[in-house]
């Protein structure tokens, strides 16, 4: 799997989780905040991968 495919999978999952979490806890939040939450989730996924690969 290429890095681009991994990014697409992470972006789709982050968007899905961002929509679910925001609609569950803040139902009338603006879509801009949902997109921001998705971007943060993708960033956290890459940060976790960096921490995992740094140890080896």
C-alpha atoms as a PDB file:
ATOM      1  CA  UNK A   1       0.000   0.000   0.000  1.00  0.00           C
ATOM      2  CA  UNK A   2       1.372   3.403  -0.920  1.00  0.00           C
ATOM      3  CA  UNK A   3       1.530   6.390   1.384  1.00  0.00           C
ATOM      4  CA  UNK A   4      -1.207   8.081  -0.652  1.00  0.00           C
ATOM      5  CA  UNK A   5      -3.611   5.182  -0.110  1.00  0.00           C
ATOM      6  CA  UNK A   6      -2.895   5.245   3.607  1.00  0.00           C
ATOM      7  CA  UNK A   7      -3.608   8.982   3.672  1.00  0.00           C
ATOM      8  CA  UNK A   8      -6.924   8.505   1.853  1.00  0.00           C
ATOM      9  CA  UNK A   9      -7.984   5.753   4.266  1.00  0.00           C
ATOM     10  CA  UNK A  10      -7.040   7.878   7.283  1.00  0.00           C
ATOM     11  CA  UNK A  11      -8.839  10.924   5.867  1.00  0.00           C
ATOM     12  CA  UNK A  12     -12.047   8.949   5.234  1.00  0.00           C
ATOM     13  CA  UNK A  13     -11.980   7.386   8.696  1.00  0.00           C
ATOM     14  CA  UNK A  14     -11.212  10.733  10.337  1.00  0.00           C
ATOM     15  CA  UNK A  15     -14.089  12.389   8.483  1.00  0.00           C
ATOM     16  CA  UNK A  16     -16.457   9.649   9.557  1.00  0.00           C
ATOM     17  CA  UNK A  17     -15.390   9.773  13.189  1.00  0.00           C
ATOM     18  CA  UNK A  18     -15.481  13.583  13.196  1.00  0.00           C
ATOM     19  CA  UNK A  19     -19.071  13.602  11.957  1.00  0.00           C
ATOM     20  CA  UNK A  20     -20.150  10.926  14.424  1.00  0.00           C
ATOM     21  CA  UNK A  21     -18.446  12.562  17.419  1.00  0.00           C
ATOM     22  CA  UNK A  22     -19.603  16.065  16.616  1.00  0.00           C
ATOM     23  CA  UNK A  23     -23.212  15.018  15.977  1.00  0.00           C
ATOM     24  CA  UNK A  24     -23.242  12.956  19.151  1.00  0.00           C
ATOM     25  CA  UNK A  25     -21.932  15.645  21.513  1.00  0.00           C
ATOM     26  CA  UNK A  26     -22.666  18.925  19.674  1.00  0.00           C
ATOM     27  CA  UNK A  27     -25.563  18.412  17.243  1.00  0.00           C
ATOM     28  CA  UNK A  28     -25.790  22.015  15.971  1.00  0.00           C
ATOM     29  CA  UNK A  29     -22.082  22.647  15.385  1.00  0.00           C
ATOM     30  CA  UNK A  30     -20.954  24.309  12.150  1.00  0.00           C
ATOM     31  CA  UNK A  31     -19.487  22.086   9.408  1.00  0.00           C
ATOM     32  CA  UNK A  32     -16.210  24.049   9.553  1.00  0.00           C
ATOM     33  CA  UNK A  33     -15.590  22.768  13.077  1.00  0.00           C
ATOM     34  CA  UNK A  34     -16.318  19.203  11.972  1.00  0.00           C
ATOM     35  CA  UNK A  35     -13.763  19.562   9.170  1.00  0.00           C
ATOM     36  CA  UNK A  36     -11.255  20.969  11.665  1.00  0.00           C
ATOM     37  CA  UNK A  37     -11.810  18.011  13.947  1.00  0.00           C
ATOM     38  CA  UNK A  38     -11.200  15.675  11.006  1.00  0.00           C
ATOM     39  CA  UNK A  39      -7.922  17.436  10.190  1.00  0.00           C
ATOM     40  CA  UNK A  40      -6.841  17.159  13.821  1.00  0.00           C
ATOM     41  CA  UNK A  41      -7.647  13.435  13.829  1.00  0.00           C
ATOM     42  CA  UNK A  42      -5.555  12.841  10.695  1.00  0.00           C
ATOM     43  CA  UNK A  43      -2.704  14.819  12.256  1.00  0.00           C
ATOM     44  CA  UNK A  44      -2.906  12.757  15.423  1.00  0.00           C
ATOM     45  CA  UNK A  45      -2.789   9.552  13.380  1.00  0.00           C
ATOM     46  CA  UNK A  46       0.439  10.677  11.700  1.00  0.00           C
ATOM     47  CA  UNK A  47       1.867  11.789  15.052  1.00  0.00           C
ATOM     48  CA  UNK A  48       1.113   8.376  16.557  1.00  0.00           C
ATOM     49  CA  UNK A  49       2.821   6.705  13.595  1.00  0.00           C
ATOM     50  CA  UNK A  50       5.856   8.922  14.104  1.00  0.00           C
ATOM     51  CA  UNK A  51       6.060   7.975  17.779  1.00  0.00           C
ATOM     52  CA  UNK A  52       5.668   4.296  16.954  1.00  0.00           C
ATOM     53  CA  UNK A  53       8.428   4.334  14.308  1.00  0.00           C
ATOM     54  CA  UNK A  54      10.789   6.470  16.372  1.00  0.00           C
ATOM     55  CA  UNK A  55      11.381   3.692  18.898  1.00  0.00           C
ATOM     56  CA  UNK A  56      12.655   1.204  16.323  1.00  0.00           C
END
